[in-house]
Amino acid sequence: METVSSSRSSRLFLIELICAVLFFSLGSAVCVQAFVQAHTVSTRARDLSFASAAVSSAANVLRYAEDPEDFLTYYPEAGLDSDGTVFLCYGADLTPCDEDSAAYVLRAEARVRGGAHRARIGMYNAAGEEIYALELCWPAPGEEAAP
């Protein structure tokens, strides 16, 4: 009789141990998923913060520059496309770099239309997805601002 009772208690203990392992496995899976989601949100927030600061800075330079060449004076690492678009590449460490190792690209396009300067400045990731963009409009020198 003693072996039957010992066998039953061993089975119950084994079932209890399996349930505990299963419970902790599910809990750890949820925790890992939460940490992955937190990392993703943190990375996106860092990218957005960097992009908004870089685009705002570029907008100020572009707003007060006479032409794209002045922009290139302020950002010597920047390049100029054949269509007049200025671009500036940033590496994964968020510092300016060459086009081959770029993780982010800032593009600024400015035109004069109807007596006003119009510009679009955007930051893009390596996949070409837009992270942040800003559109500007300001009067050309000697013109009055529209209300």
Protein backbone atom coordinates (compact mmCIF):
# COMPACT_ATOMS: atom_id res chain seq x y z
CA MET A 1 0.00 0.00 0.00
CA GLU A 2 2.84 2.30 0.76
CA THR A 3 4.20 2.13 -2.81
CA VAL A 4 0.78 3.05 -4.27
CA SER A 5 0.53 6.11 -2.04
CA SER A 6 4.11 7.10 -2.84
CA SER A 7 3.44 6.65 -6.54
CA ARG A 8 0.32 8.86 -6.39
CA SER A 9 2.13 11.63 -4.53
CA SER A 10 5.00 11.46 -7.05
CA ARG A 11 2.51 11.80 -9.92
CA LEU A 12 0.79 14.73 -8.26
CA PHE A 13 4.12 16.39 -7.60
CA LEU A 14 5.14 15.85 -11.23
CA ILE A 15 1.85 17.33 -12.51
CA GLU A 16 2.25 20.29 -10.16
CA LEU A 17 5.84 20.81 -11.34
CA ILE A 18 4.76 20.67 -15.01
CA CYS A 19 2.02 23.22 -14.36
CA ALA A 20 4.48 25.55 -12.61
CA VAL A 21 6.98 25.28 -15.49
CA LEU A 22 4.18 25.93 -18.00
CA PHE A 23 2.96 28.95 -16.04
CA PHE A 24 6.46 30.48 -15.81
CA SER A 25 7.10 29.74 -19.50
CA LEU A 26 3.97 31.66 -20.47
CA GLY A 27 4.92 34.49 -18.14
CA SER A 28 8.43 34.73 -19.58
CA ALA A 29 7.05 34.70 -23.14
CA VAL A 30 4.83 37.66 -22.29
CA CYS A 31 7.75 39.49 -20.66
CA VAL A 32 10.02 38.91 -23.66
CA GLN A 33 7.32 40.21 -25.98
CA ALA A 34 6.92 43.31 -23.79
CA PHE A 35 10.68 43.96 -23.85
CA VAL A 36 10.81 43.60 -27.64
CA GLN A 37 7.90 46.02 -28.01
CA ALA A 38 9.58 48.49 -25.64
CA HIS A 39 12.81 48.30 -27.63
CA THR A 40 10.92 48.93 -30.89
CA VAL A 41 9.10 51.94 -29.43
CA SER A 42 12.36 53.28 -28.00
CA THR A 43 14.12 52.95 -31.37
CA ARG A 44 11.29 54.71 -33.19
CA ALA A 45 11.25 57.50 -30.61
CA ARG A 46 15.01 57.97 -30.95
CA ASP A 47 14.72 58.07 -34.75
CA LEU A 48 11.87 60.57 -34.61
CA SER A 49 13.68 62.78 -32.11
CA PHE A 50 16.85 62.78 -34.20
CA ALA A 51 14.94 63.35 -37.43
CA SER A 52 12.90 66.25 -36.09
CA ALA A 53 16.00 67.97 -34.68
CA ALA A 54 18.01 67.48 -37.89
CA VAL A 55 15.15 68.58 -40.15
CA SER A 56 14.42 71.66 -38.01
CA SER A 57 18.08 72.63 -38.06
CA ALA A 58 18.23 72.17 -41.83
CA ALA A 59 15.03 74.22 -42.20
CA ASN A 60 16.60 77.14 -40.33
CA VAL A 61 19.72 77.00 -42.49
CA LEU A 62 17.67 76.73 -45.68
CA ARG A 63 15.34 79.53 -44.63
CA TYR A 64 18.19 81.99 -44.15
CA ALA A 65 20.45 80.75 -46.96
CA GLU A 66 20.50 82.66 -50.22
CA ASP A 67 20.79 79.52 -52.36
CA PRO A 68 21.60 75.80 -51.98
CA GLU A 69 25.31 76.56 -52.14
CA ASP A 70 25.00 78.38 -48.80
CA PHE A 71 23.40 75.26 -47.35
CA LEU A 72 26.45 73.31 -48.52
CA THR A 73 28.70 75.80 -46.75
CA TYR A 74 26.94 75.15 -43.44
CA TYR A 75 26.82 71.38 -44.04
CA PRO A 76 30.09 70.54 -45.84
CA GLU A 77 29.22 66.81 -45.76
CA ALA A 78 26.06 67.43 -47.81
CA GLY A 79 25.72 66.71 -51.50
CA LEU A 80 23.71 68.22 -54.32
CA ASP A 81 21.68 66.09 -56.75
CA SER A 82 21.35 67.03 -60.40
CA ASP A 83 17.79 68.27 -59.78
CA GLY A 84 18.94 70.71 -57.07
CA THR A 85 17.92 68.58 -54.10
CA VAL A 86 20.37 68.78 -51.22
CA PHE A 87 21.02 65.57 -49.31
CA LEU A 88 22.92 64.76 -46.16
CA CYS A 89 23.68 61.20 -45.06
CA TYR A 90 23.88 60.04 -41.45
CA GLY A 91 25.23 56.76 -40.13
CA ALA A 92 23.70 54.47 -37.52
CA ASP A 93 25.56 56.47 -34.86
CA LEU A 94 23.63 59.59 -36.04
CA THR A 95 26.72 61.40 -37.31
CA PRO A 96 27.26 62.57 -40.90
CA CYS A 97 28.78 59.93 -43.16
CA ASP A 98 29.17 58.99 -46.83
CA GLU A 99 26.35 57.58 -48.95
CA ASP A 100 27.59 53.99 -48.78
CA SER A 101 27.23 53.67 -45.01
CA ALA A 102 24.12 55.83 -44.60
CA ALA A 103 21.39 54.66 -42.25
CA TYR A 104 19.45 57.93 -42.62
CA VAL A 105 19.25 60.49 -45.42
CA LEU A 106 18.05 64.07 -45.04
CA ARG A 107 16.71 65.54 -48.30
CA ALA A 108 15.91 69.22 -48.79
CA GLU A 109 14.26 70.61 -51.90
CA ALA A 110 13.63 74.34 -52.27
CA ARG A 111 11.90 76.21 -55.09
CA VAL A 112 10.69 79.76 -55.70
CA ARG A 113 7.06 79.91 -56.84
CA GLY A 114 4.86 82.97 -57.11
CA GLY A 115 7.15 85.27 -55.16
CA ALA A 116 7.54 82.81 -52.29
CA HIS A 117 10.14 80.26 -51.36
CA ARG A 118 8.76 76.78 -50.80
CA ALA A 119 10.79 73.96 -49.33
CA ARG A 120 10.28 70.38 -48.32
CA ILE A 121 12.77 68.78 -45.98
CA GLY A 122 12.49 65.14 -44.99
CA MET A 123 14.46 62.49 -43.14
CA TYR A 124 14.37 58.94 -44.51
CA ASN A 125 15.69 55.66 -43.15
CA ALA A 126 17.83 53.21 -45.14
CA ALA A 127 14.71 51.52 -46.52
CA GLY A 128 13.53 54.86 -47.92
CA GLU A 129 10.65 55.25 -45.46
CA GLU A 130 9.96 58.79 -44.34
CA ILE A 131 10.57 59.35 -40.64
CA TYR A 132 9.81 63.06 -40.45
CA ALA A 133 9.13 65.85 -42.94
CA LEU A 134 8.62 69.57 -42.81
CA GLU A 135 7.22 71.89 -45.46
CA LEU A 136 8.09 75.58 -45.38
CA CYS A 137 6.89 78.67 -47.17
CA TRP A 138 8.37 82.14 -46.72
CA PRO A 139 8.31 85.32 -48.80
CA ALA A 140 11.10 86.00 -51.26
CA PRO A 141 13.28 89.03 -50.45
CA GLY A 142 11.40 92.23 -51.23
CA GLU A 143 7.99 90.51 -51.15
CA GLU A 144 5.37 90.91 -48.44
CA ALA A 145 4.24 87.93 -46.43
CA ALA A 146 0.79 86.66 -47.29
CA PRO A 147 -1.68 86.65 -44.39
